[in-house]
Amino acid sequence: MNDHSNTTAAPGVTGTEGHTVDIQRIMQCIPHRYPFLLIDRVVDMRLGESAIGVKNVSVNESFFAGHFPGHPVMPGVLIIESMAQTAAVLVVETLGPEAEGKLVYFMMIENAKFRRPVVPGDAMRVHVAKQRNRGNVWKFDGVARVDGAVVAEASFAAMILDKKAEQAGEKPGAKPSA
């Protein structure tokens, strides 16, 4: 088990247990940018354990142009991606500065269920909880909620790699993602 005693809050982070991470700090933690940065803030973070990502869904999201014209619905795969991005921020905050900007690859998604559509105007709260980690592989359970109601859930695993290792050919055999 890793020592998760990182108690120094980085700029953009308030507190250490149950802390909040703002959008500037999120962009330091993970390489995603608009239009694929799918969380606006992370709240109630418990290092090495859990976090809640917040996504304020706007009618101006690029994916609504085609999903679906006249009836905008956030694609389920992007809800799962927002879970992965929330988990990636949790991992970086847990591991500390040496983990900033690393690449994270989905290895597995299981038991994905979509309960109701997420639409413009929704404030989606993405709850992720670490199940386990071994080396650079982390497994999480995620639940997305709007107004307290579950809209989606899934279990997923991801591998964290240095960009340099990736460029040197250490391909994990998985698709890049949060």
Foldseek 3Di string as FASTA:
>chain_A
DDDQPPFDADPQWDGQAQIKHAQVVLVQAEVDDPPLQAFGMWGRAGAPWKIKTKGQAACPRPVQVVCPVVFGFPDLVSLVLNLVSNVSSSPDSRVDDVNTHWWKFWDDKPDKDFDDTDGHRWIKIKMKTWPDDDPQKTKIWIFIDTPRHTGIIIITMMGTDHPVCVVVPPDPPGGTGD
